[in-house]
């Protein structure tokens, strides 16, 4: 394998791990949201599993504004 083959593999592994981290973070954020009902959470998770890239973009556009407020309790534990 040439250097470019290694760099290509490294790039795609990096992209895959990043997408997986974003996906897990969105799933955690869905279950952390007290304003969503159980059915709404189930629909969002199903949407993210069936269409992960489009679902992630739509979730970040529609519900991304409140993600920092839902994560606010985590920052107190780190300090």
Protein backbone atom coordinates (compact mmCIF):
# COMPACT_ATOMS: atom_id res chain seq x y z
CA UNK A 1 0.00 0.00 0.00
CA UNK A 2 1.17 3.49 -0.77
CA UNK A 3 1.12 6.47 1.54
CA UNK A 4 -2.02 7.81 -0.13
CA UNK A 5 -3.85 4.54 0.53
CA UNK A 6 -3.01 4.80 4.24
CA UNK A 7 -4.11 8.44 4.34
CA UNK A 8 -7.37 7.57 2.60
CA UNK A 9 -8.11 4.77 5.05
CA UNK A 10 -7.18 7.03 7.98
CA UNK A 11 -9.49 9.76 6.64
CA UNK A 12 -12.49 7.43 6.26
CA UNK A 13 -11.94 5.87 9.69
CA UNK A 14 -11.84 9.38 11.15
CA UNK A 15 -15.07 10.33 9.34
CA UNK A 16 -16.76 7.12 10.51
CA UNK A 17 -15.78 7.60 14.15
CA UNK A 18 -16.89 11.24 14.02
CA UNK A 19 -20.27 10.29 12.57
CA UNK A 20 -20.69 7.60 15.23
CA UNK A 21 -19.89 10.09 18.01
CA UNK A 22 -22.39 12.61 16.64
CA UNK A 23 -25.02 9.88 16.32
CA UNK A 24 -24.52 8.74 19.95
CA UNK A 25 -24.54 12.34 21.19
CA UNK A 26 -27.87 12.98 19.45
CA UNK A 27 -29.41 9.81 20.89
CA UNK A 28 -28.31 10.87 24.39
CA UNK A 29 -29.73 14.35 23.80
CA UNK A 30 -33.08 12.90 22.71
CA UNK A 31 -33.44 10.91 25.92
CA UNK A 32 -32.24 13.84 28.02
CA UNK A 33 -35.00 16.16 26.74
CA UNK A 34 -37.88 16.31 29.24
CA UNK A 35 -40.18 18.15 26.81
CA UNK A 36 -40.42 15.22 24.40
CA UNK A 37 -42.96 12.49 25.03
CA UNK A 38 -42.01 8.84 24.85
CA UNK A 39 -43.53 8.47 21.38
CA UNK A 40 -41.70 11.52 20.09
CA UNK A 41 -38.42 10.12 21.41
CA UNK A 42 -39.16 6.79 19.74
CA UNK A 43 -39.91 8.50 16.42
CA UNK A 44 -36.71 10.58 16.57
CA UNK A 45 -34.59 7.53 17.38
CA UNK A 46 -36.25 5.53 14.60
CA UNK A 47 -35.67 8.42 12.20
CA UNK A 48 -32.00 8.61 13.20
CA UNK A 49 -31.54 4.86 12.79
CA UNK A 50 -33.27 4.66 9.39
CA UNK A 51 -31.77 7.85 7.89
CA UNK A 52 -28.76 8.73 10.05
CA UNK A 53 -27.24 11.59 8.03
CA UNK A 54 -30.47 13.30 7.00
CA UNK A 55 -31.99 12.64 10.44
CA UNK A 56 -28.98 14.16 12.20
CA UNK A 57 -29.10 17.29 10.07
CA UNK A 58 -32.86 17.70 10.57
CA UNK A 59 -32.53 17.11 14.32
CA UNK A 60 -29.77 19.69 14.63
CA UNK A 61 -31.81 22.24 12.67
CA UNK A 62 -35.09 21.69 14.53
CA UNK A 63 -33.94 20.88 18.07
CA UNK A 64 -30.30 21.94 18.16
CA UNK A 65 -30.95 25.24 19.88
CA UNK A 66 -31.81 23.59 23.20
CA UNK A 67 -28.94 21.12 23.23
CA UNK A 68 -26.65 23.38 25.24
CA UNK A 69 -29.31 24.02 27.89
CA UNK A 70 -29.99 20.29 28.23
CA UNK A 71 -26.27 19.69 28.66
CA UNK A 72 -25.90 22.46 31.27
CA UNK A 73 -25.88 20.03 34.21
CA UNK A 74 -22.84 18.20 32.82
CA UNK A 75 -20.62 21.25 33.09
CA UNK A 76 -21.22 21.55 36.84
CA UNK A 77 -20.04 17.97 37.35
CA UNK A 78 -16.79 18.62 35.47
CA UNK A 79 -15.83 21.68 37.53
